[in-house]
């Protein structure tokens, strides 16, 4: 990836973080991979902004940043208990 992956919207369900990309794809990763997000309130989760020209997401209320490209990285694949 070259950093050209840009987010359009973010939403959550009880198990996953979903990011809609500006090209129409939706990527989903287990919320358990992100303890800071898992312990946040829905109000905190809904208050996000795209940063770095749309390639990252910031949740300012909890001081958490996530690179969208990292959601694709093989190194970030973890077992979820």
PDB file of N, CA and C in Angstrom:
ATOM      1  N   UNK A   1       0.849  -1.174   0.000  1.00  0.00           N
ATOM      2  CA  UNK A   1       0.000   0.000   0.000  1.00  0.00           C
ATOM      3  C   UNK A   1       0.894   1.235   0.000  1.00  0.00           C
ATOM      4  N   UNK A   2       0.421   2.255  -0.627  1.00  0.00           N
ATOM      5  CA  UNK A   2       1.233   3.457  -0.771  1.00  0.00           C
ATOM      6  C   UNK A   2       0.673   4.639  -0.016  1.00  0.00           C
ATOM      7  N   UNK A   3      -0.262   4.422   0.885  1.00  0.00           N
ATOM      8  CA  UNK A   3      -0.851   5.528   1.610  1.00  0.00           C
ATOM      9  C   UNK A   3      -2.015   6.153   0.880  1.00  0.00           C
ATOM     10  N   UNK A   4      -2.446   5.528  -0.221  1.00  0.00           N
ATOM     11  CA  UNK A   4      -3.543   6.094  -0.998  1.00  0.00           C
ATOM     12  C   UNK A   4      -4.913   5.609  -0.517  1.00  0.00           C
ATOM     13  N   UNK A   5      -4.938   4.761   0.512  1.00  0.00           N
ATOM     14  CA  UNK A   5      -6.195   4.262   1.054  1.00  0.00           C
ATOM     15  C   UNK A   5      -6.783   5.348   1.940  1.00  0.00           C
ATOM     16  N   UNK A   6      -7.963   5.853   1.558  1.00  0.00           N
ATOM     17  CA  UNK A   6      -8.569   6.965   2.293  1.00  0.00           C
ATOM     18  C   UNK A   6      -9.946   6.591   2.800  1.00  0.00           C
ATOM     19  N   UNK A   7     -10.225   6.999   4.020  1.00  0.00           N
ATOM     20  CA  UNK A   7     -11.494   6.693   4.640  1.00  0.00           C
ATOM     21  C   UNK A   7     -12.594   7.661   4.253  1.00  0.00           C
ATOM     22  N   UNK A   8     -13.809   7.139   4.280  1.00  0.00           N
ATOM     23  CA  UNK A   8     -14.999   7.938   3.997  1.00  0.00           C
ATOM     24  C   UNK A   8     -15.914   7.998   5.222  1.00  0.00           C
ATOM     25  N   UNK A   9     -16.069   6.857   5.922  1.00  0.00           N
ATOM     26  CA  UNK A   9     -16.895   6.830   7.124  1.00  0.00           C
ATOM     27  C   UNK A   9     -16.447   5.689   8.031  1.00  0.00           C
ATOM     28  N   UNK A  10     -16.845   5.773   9.286  1.00  0.00           N
ATOM     29  CA  UNK A  10     -16.495   4.783  10.304  1.00  0.00           C
ATOM     30  C   UNK A  10     -17.764   4.401  11.037  1.00  0.00           C
ATOM     31  N   UNK A  11     -17.924   3.104  11.295  1.00  0.00           N
ATOM     32  CA  UNK A  11     -19.001   2.688  12.190  1.00  0.00           C
ATOM     33  C   UNK A  11     -18.604   1.405  12.908  1.00  0.00           C
ATOM     34  N   UNK A  12     -19.324   1.116  13.968  1.00  0.00           N
ATOM     35  CA  UNK A  12     -19.031  -0.016  14.835  1.00  0.00           C
ATOM     36  C   UNK A  12     -20.282  -0.862  14.997  1.00  0.00           C
ATOM     37  N   UNK A  13     -20.073  -2.147  15.236  1.00  0.00           N
ATOM     38  CA  UNK A  13     -21.150  -2.973  15.762  1.00  0.00           C
ATOM     39  C   UNK A  13     -20.594  -3.620  17.027  1.00  0.00           C
ATOM     40  N   UNK A  14     -21.239  -4.616  17.551  1.00  0.00           N
ATOM     41  CA  UNK A  14     -20.782  -5.180  18.819  1.00  0.00           C
ATOM     42  C   UNK A  14     -19.463  -5.943  18.722  1.00  0.00           C
ATOM     43  N   UNK A  15     -19.007  -6.249  17.508  1.00  0.00           N
ATOM     44  CA  UNK A  15     -17.763  -7.015  17.353  1.00  0.00           C
ATOM     45  C   UNK A  15     -16.703  -6.373  16.464  1.00  0.00           C
ATOM     46  N   UNK A  16     -17.093  -5.458  15.571  1.00  0.00           N
ATOM     47  CA  UNK A  16     -16.164  -4.990  14.552  1.00  0.00           C
ATOM     48  C   UNK A  16     -16.108  -3.473  14.406  1.00  0.00           C
ATOM     49  N   UNK A  17     -14.942  -3.028  13.986  1.00  0.00           N
ATOM     50  CA  UNK A  17     -14.731  -1.669  13.494  1.00  0.00           C
ATOM     51  C   UNK A  17     -14.833  -1.761  11.981  1.00  0.00           C
ATOM     52  N   UNK A  18     -15.704  -0.972  11.385  1.00  0.00           N
ATOM     53  CA  UNK A  18     -15.903  -0.957   9.934  1.00  0.00           C
ATOM     54  C   UNK A  18     -15.486   0.414   9.400  1.00  0.00           C
ATOM     55  N   UNK A  19     -14.679   0.414   8.363  1.00  0.00           N
ATOM     56  CA  UNK A  19     -14.268   1.660   7.719  1.00  0.00           C
ATOM     57  C   UNK A  19     -14.632   1.569   6.246  1.00  0.00           C
ATOM     58  N   UNK A  20     -15.485   2.488   5.814  1.00  0.00           N
ATOM     59  CA  UNK A  20     -15.798   2.589   4.389  1.00  0.00           C
ATOM     60  C   UNK A  20     -14.736   3.462   3.743  1.00  0.00           C
ATOM     61  N   UNK A  21     -14.168   2.956   2.664  1.00  0.00           N
ATOM     62  CA  UNK A  21     -13.123   3.678   1.947  1.00  0.00           C
ATOM     63  C   UNK A  21     -13.733   4.524   0.844  1.00  0.00           C
ATOM     64  N   UNK A  22     -12.986   5.523   0.409  1.00  0.00           N
ATOM     65  CA  UNK A  22     -13.517   6.415  -0.626  1.00  0.00           C
ATOM     66  C   UNK A  22     -13.686   5.735  -1.972  1.00  0.00           C
ATOM     67  N   UNK A  23     -13.111   4.534  -2.144  1.00  0.00           N
ATOM     68  CA  UNK A  23     -13.297   3.790  -3.396  1.00  0.00           C
ATOM     69  C   UNK A  23     -14.467   2.809  -3.322  1.00  0.00           C
ATOM     70  N   UNK A  24     -15.214   2.823  -2.203  1.00  0.00           N
ATOM     71  CA  UNK A  24     -16.395   1.982  -2.071  1.00  0.00           C
ATOM     72  C   UNK A  24     -16.198   0.704  -1.278  1.00  0.00           C
ATOM     73  N   UNK A  25     -14.955   0.287  -1.055  1.00  0.00           N
ATOM     74  CA  UNK A  25     -14.720  -0.908  -0.247  1.00  0.00           C
ATOM     75  C   UNK A  25     -15.015  -0.616   1.218  1.00  0.00           C
ATOM     76  N   UNK A  26     -15.335  -1.679   1.953  1.00  0.00           N
ATOM     77  CA  UNK A  26     -15.500  -1.593   3.399  1.00  0.00           C
ATOM     78  C   UNK A  26     -14.565  -2.623   4.016  1.00  0.00           C
ATOM     79  N   UNK A  27     -13.738  -2.175   4.940  1.00  0.00           N
ATOM     80  CA  UNK A  27     -12.862  -3.108   5.654  1.00  0.00           C
ATOM     81  C   UNK A  27     -13.333  -3.182   7.092  1.00  0.00           C
ATOM     82  N   UNK A  28     -13.226  -4.371   7.662  1.00  0.00           N
ATOM     83  CA  UNK A  28     -13.679  -4.607   9.028  1.00  0.00           C
ATOM     84  C   UNK A  28     -12.611  -5.372   9.775  1.00  0.00           C
ATOM     85  N   UNK A  29     -12.356  -4.960  10.997  1.00  0.00           N
ATOM     86  CA  UNK A  29     -11.431  -5.661  11.875  1.00  0.00           C
ATOM     87  C   UNK A  29     -12.086  -5.796  13.241  1.00  0.00           C
ATOM     88  N   UNK A  30     -11.722  -6.839  13.984  1.00  0.00           N
ATOM     89  CA  UNK A  30     -12.329  -7.028  15.308  1.00  0.00           C
ATOM     90  C   UNK A  30     -12.020  -5.862  16.243  1.00  0.00           C
ATOM     91  N   UNK A  31     -13.028  -5.377  16.920  1.00  0.00           N
ATOM     92  CA  UNK A  31     -12.846  -4.285  17.873  1.00  0.00           C
ATOM     93  C   UNK A  31     -11.904  -4.711  18.994  1.00  0.00           C
ATOM     94  N   UNK A  32     -11.825  -6.015  19.277  1.00  0.00           N
ATOM     95  CA  UNK A  32     -10.936  -6.521  20.326  1.00  0.00           C
ATOM     96  C   UNK A  32      -9.467  -6.235  20.023  1.00  0.00           C
ATOM     97  N   UNK A  33      -9.132  -5.961  18.766  1.00  0.00           N
ATOM     98  CA  UNK A  33      -7.756  -5.619  18.414  1.00  0.00           C
ATOM     99  C   UNK A  33      -7.351  -4.253  18.936  1.00  0.00           C
ATOM    100  N   UNK A  34      -8.318  -3.424  19.317  1.00  0.00           N
ATOM    101  CA  UNK A  34      -8.060  -2.049  19.723  1.00  0.00           C
ATOM    102  C   UNK A  34      -8.642  -1.822  21.124  1.00  0.00           C
ATOM    103  N   UNK A  35      -7.922  -2.192  22.182  1.00  0.00           N
ATOM    104  CA  UNK A  35      -8.457  -2.075  23.542  1.00  0.00           C
ATOM    105  C   UNK A  35      -8.962  -0.668  23.885  1.00  0.00           C
ATOM    106  N   UNK A  36      -8.286   0.358  23.360  1.00  0.00           N
ATOM    107  CA  UNK A  36      -8.717   1.724  23.642  1.00  0.00           C
ATOM    108  C   UNK A  36     -10.100   2.007  23.056  1.00  0.00           C
ATOM    109  N   UNK A  37     -10.346   1.468  21.876  1.00  0.00           N
ATOM    110  CA  UNK A  37     -11.657   1.658  21.253  1.00  0.00           C
ATOM    111  C   UNK A  37     -12.705   0.765  21.918  1.00  0.00           C
ATOM    112  N   UNK A  38     -12.312  -0.440  22.284  1.00  0.00           N
ATOM    113  CA  UNK A  38     -13.244  -1.375  22.900  1.00  0.00           C
ATOM    114  C   UNK A  38     -13.774  -0.849  24.228  1.00  0.00           C
ATOM    115  N   UNK A  39     -12.950  -0.109  24.957  1.00  0.00           N
ATOM    116  CA  UNK A  39     -13.390   0.398  26.250  1.00  0.00           C
ATOM    117  C   UNK A  39     -14.033   1.791  26.167  1.00  0.00           C
ATOM    118  N   UNK A  40     -14.086   2.376  24.988  1.00  0.00           N
ATOM    119  CA  UNK A  40     -14.674   3.710  24.813  1.00  0.00           C
ATOM    120  C   UNK A  40     -16.199   3.626  24.762  1.00  0.00           C
ATOM    121  N   UNK A  41     -16.835   4.750  25.069  1.00  0.00           N
ATOM    122  CA  UNK A  41     -18.290   4.834  24.967  1.00  0.00           C
ATOM    123  C   UNK A  41     -18.687   5.053  23.509  1.00  0.00           C
ATOM    124  N   UNK A  42     -19.957   4.787  23.212  1.00  0.00           N
ATOM    125  CA  UNK A  42     -20.432   5.035  21.845  1.00  0.00           C
ATOM    126  C   UNK A  42     -20.309   6.514  21.486  1.00  0.00           C
ATOM    127  N   UNK A  43     -20.507   7.395  22.447  1.00  0.00           N
ATOM    128  CA  UNK A  43     -20.344   8.830  22.197  1.00  0.00           C
ATOM    129  C   UNK A  43     -18.906   9.140  21.783  1.00  0.00           C
ATOM    130  N   UNK A  44     -17.936   8.551  22.502  1.00  0.00           N
ATOM    131  CA  UNK A  44     -16.532   8.763  22.169  1.00  0.00           C
ATOM    132  C   UNK A  44     -16.190   8.165  20.801  1.00  0.00           C
ATOM    133  N   UNK A  45     -16.730   6.989  20.519  1.00  0.00           N
ATOM    134  CA  UNK A  45     -16.458   6.344  19.233  1.00  0.00           C
ATOM    135  C   UNK A  45     -17.051   7.114  18.062  1.00  0.00           C
ATOM    136  N   UNK A  46     -18.196   7.722  18.283  1.00  0.00           N
ATOM    137  CA  UNK A  46     -18.844   8.449  17.188  1.00  0.00           C
ATOM    138  C   UNK A  46     -18.173   9.793  16.908  1.00  0.00           C
ATOM    139  N   UNK A  47     -17.324  10.246  17.820  1.00  0.00           N
ATOM    140  CA  UNK A  47     -16.602  11.503  17.629  1.00  0.00           C
ATOM    141  C   UNK A  47     -15.203  11.196  17.072  1.00  0.00           C
ATOM    142  N   UNK A  48     -15.135  11.057  15.767  1.00  0.00           N
ATOM    143  CA  UNK A  48     -13.866  10.767  15.095  1.00  0.00           C
ATOM    144  C   UNK A  48     -13.662  11.777  13.977  1.00  0.00           C
ATOM    145  N   UNK A  49     -12.445  11.848  13.524  1.00  0.00           N
ATOM    146  CA  UNK A  49     -12.123  12.686  12.377  1.00  0.00           C
ATOM    147  C   UNK A  49     -11.045  11.984  11.559  1.00  0.00           C
ATOM    148  N   UNK A  50     -11.071  12.199  10.256  1.00  0.00           N
ATOM    149  CA  UNK A  50     -10.010  11.660   9.415  1.00  0.00           C
ATOM    150  C   UNK A  50      -8.844  12.623   9.445  1.00  0.00           C
ATOM    151  N   UNK A  51      -7.649  12.064   9.544  1.00  0.00           N
ATOM    152  CA  UNK A  51      -6.425  12.850   9.597  1.00  0.00           C
ATOM    153  C   UNK A  51      -5.479  12.379   8.492  1.00  0.00           C
ATOM    154  N   UNK A  52      -4.404  13.091   8.318  1.00  0.00           N
ATOM    155  CA  UNK A  52      -3.352  12.714   7.344  1.00  0.00           C
ATOM    156  C   UNK A  52      -3.942  12.503   5.954  1.00  0.00           C
ATOM    157  N   UNK A  53      -4.711  13.492   5.508  1.00  0.00           N
ATOM    158  CA  UNK A  53      -5.329  13.447   4.172  1.00  0.00           C
ATOM    159  C   UNK A  53      -6.241  12.246   3.990  1.00  0.00           C
ATOM    160  N   UNK A  54      -6.907  11.862   5.079  1.00  0.00           N
ATOM    161  CA  UNK A  54      -7.878  10.777   5.008  1.00  0.00           C
ATOM    162  C   UNK A  54      -7.324   9.390   5.207  1.00  0.00           C
ATOM    163  N   UNK A  55      -6.024   9.270   5.438  1.00  0.00           N
ATOM    164  CA  UNK A  55      -5.411   7.953   5.577  1.00  0.00           C
ATOM    165  C   UNK A  55      -5.368   7.445   7.016  1.00  0.00           C
ATOM    166  N   UNK A  56      -5.789   8.272   7.948  1.00  0.00           N
ATOM    167  CA  UNK A  56      -5.811   7.885   9.356  1.00  0.00           C
ATOM    168  C   UNK A  56      -7.088   8.369  10.012  1.00  0.00           C
ATOM    169  N   UNK A  57      -7.365   7.811  11.175  1.00  0.00           N
ATOM    170  CA  UNK A  57      -8.553   8.179  11.938  1.00  0.00           C
ATOM    171  C   UNK A  57      -8.096   8.589  13.330  1.00  0.00           C
ATOM    172  N   UNK A  58      -8.680   9.659  13.843  1.00  0.00           N
ATOM    173  CA  UNK A  58      -8.393  10.123  15.191  1.00  0.00           C
ATOM    174  C   UNK A  58      -9.681  10.156  16.001  1.00  0.00           C
ATOM    175  N   UNK A  59      -9.604   9.649  17.224  1.00  0.00           N
ATOM    176  CA  UNK A  59     -10.679   9.782  18.201  1.00  0.00           C
ATOM    177  C   UNK A  59     -10.146  10.714  19.279  1.00  0.00           C
ATOM    178  N   UNK A  60     -10.389  12.030  19.148  1.00  0.00           N
ATOM    179  CA  UNK A  60      -9.766  12.999  20.050  1.00  0.00           C
ATOM    180  C   UNK A  60     -10.187  12.859  21.518  1.00  0.00           C
ATOM    181  N   UNK A  61     -11.390  12.377  21.764  1.00  0.00           N
ATOM    182  CA  UNK A  61     -11.843  12.259  23.148  1.00  0.00           C
ATOM    183  C   UNK A  61     -11.062  11.220  23.938  1.00  0.00           C
ATOM    184  N   UNK A  62     -10.477  10.246  23.232  1.00  0.00           N
ATOM    185  CA  UNK A  62      -9.695   9.220  23.923  1.00  0.00           C
ATOM    186  C   UNK A  62      -8.218   9.251  23.526  1.00  0.00           C
ATOM    187  N   UNK A  63      -7.852  10.202  22.668  1.00  0.00           N
ATOM    188  CA  UNK A  63      -6.459  10.360  22.265  1.00  0.00           C
ATOM    189  C   UNK A  63      -5.911   9.172  21.491  1.00  0.00           C
ATOM    190  N   UNK A  64      -6.734   8.603  20.607  1.00  0.00           N
ATOM    191  CA  UNK A  64      -6.326   7.416  19.862  1.00  0.00           C
ATOM    192  C   UNK A  64      -6.289   7.714  18.375  1.00  0.00           C
ATOM    193  N   UNK A  65      -5.241   7.201  17.710  1.00  0.00           N
ATOM    194  CA  UNK A  65      -5.056   7.359  16.264  1.00  0.00           C
ATOM    195  C   UNK A  65      -4.875   5.986  15.637  1.00  0.00           C
ATOM    196  N   UNK A  66      -5.401   5.830  14.427  1.00  0.00           N
ATOM    197  CA  UNK A  66      -5.287   4.555  13.722  1.00  0.00           C
ATOM    198  C   UNK A  66      -5.031   4.820  12.247  1.00  0.00           C
ATOM    199  N   UNK A  67      -4.003   4.191  11.717  1.00  0.00           N
ATOM    200  CA  UNK A  67      -3.730   4.248  10.289  1.00  0.00           C
ATOM    201  C   UNK A  67      -4.641   3.247   9.592  1.00  0.00           C
ATOM    202  N   UNK A  68      -5.376   3.692   8.585  1.00  0.00           N
ATOM    203  CA  UNK A  68      -6.251   2.782   7.844  1.00  0.00           C
ATOM    204  C   UNK A  68      -5.425   1.710   7.157  1.00  0.00           C
ATOM    205  N   UNK A  69      -4.291   2.078   6.633  1.00  0.00           N
ATOM    206  CA  UNK A  69      -3.428   1.109   5.969  1.00  0.00           C
ATOM    207  C   UNK A  69      -3.016  -0.012   6.920  1.00  0.00           C
ATOM    208  N   UNK A  70      -2.840   0.293   8.195  1.00  0.00           N
ATOM    209  CA  UNK A  70      -2.438  -0.740   9.152  1.00  0.00           C
ATOM    210  C   UNK A  70      -3.521  -1.798   9.333  1.00  0.00           C
ATOM    211  N   UNK A  71      -4.761  -1.466   9.009  1.00  0.00           N
ATOM    212  CA  UNK A  71      -5.838  -2.446   9.110  1.00  0.00           C
ATOM    213  C   UNK A  71      -5.671  -3.555   8.075  1.00  0.00           C
ATOM    214  N   UNK A  72      -4.927  -3.289   7.012  1.00  0.00           N
ATOM    215  CA  UNK A  72      -4.654  -4.271   5.963  1.00  0.00           C
ATOM    216  C   UNK A  72      -3.393  -5.094   6.235  1.00  0.00           C
ATOM    217  N   UNK A  73      -2.531  -4.618   7.109  1.00  0.00           N
ATOM    218  CA  UNK A  73      -1.213  -5.211   7.299  1.00  0.00           C
ATOM    219  C   UNK A  73      -1.288  -6.628   7.848  1.00  0.00           C
ATOM    220  N   UNK A  74      -0.552  -7.514   7.243  1.00  0.00           N
ATOM    221  CA  UNK A  74      -0.503  -8.902   7.709  1.00  0.00           C
ATOM    222  C   UNK A  74       0.040  -8.950   9.130  1.00  0.00           C
ATOM    223  N   UNK A  75       0.984  -8.082   9.451  1.00  0.00           N
ATOM    224  CA  UNK A  75       1.571  -8.069  10.790  1.00  0.00           C
ATOM    225  C   UNK A  75       0.546  -7.720  11.861  1.00  0.00           C
ATOM    226  N   UNK A  76      -0.547  -7.085  11.485  1.00  0.00           N
ATOM    227  CA  UNK A  76      -1.535  -6.681  12.485  1.00  0.00           C
ATOM    228  C   UNK A  76      -2.572  -7.765  12.744  1.00  0.00           C
ATOM    229  N   UNK A  77      -2.478  -8.894  12.029  1.00  0.00           N
ATOM    230  CA  UNK A  77      -3.437  -9.976  12.252  1.00  0.00           C
ATOM    231  C   UNK A  77      -3.106 -10.638  13.580  1.00  0.00           C
ATOM    232  N   UNK A  78      -4.089 -10.689  14.441  1.00  0.00           N
ATOM    233  CA  UNK A  78      -3.910 -11.246  15.763  1.00  0.00           C
ATOM    234  C   UNK A  78      -5.023 -12.236  16.045  1.00  0.00           C
ATOM    235  N   UNK A  79      -4.755 -13.159  16.931  1.00  0.00           N
ATOM    236  CA  UNK A  79      -5.815 -14.059  17.361  1.00  0.00           C
ATOM    237  C   UNK A  79      -6.698 -13.321  18.353  1.00  0.00           C
ATOM    238  N   UNK A  80      -7.977 -13.463  18.184  1.00  0.00           N
ATOM    239  CA  UNK A  80      -8.934 -12.860  19.099  1.00  0.00           C
ATOM    240  C   UNK A  80      -9.451 -13.972  19.984  1.00  0.00           C
ATOM    241  N   UNK A  81      -9.276 -13.782  21.279  1.00  0.00           N
ATOM    242  CA  UNK A  81      -9.711 -14.828  22.234  1.00  0.00           C
ATOM    243  C   UNK A  81     -11.216 -14.929  22.300  1.00  0.00           C
TER     244      UNK A  81
END
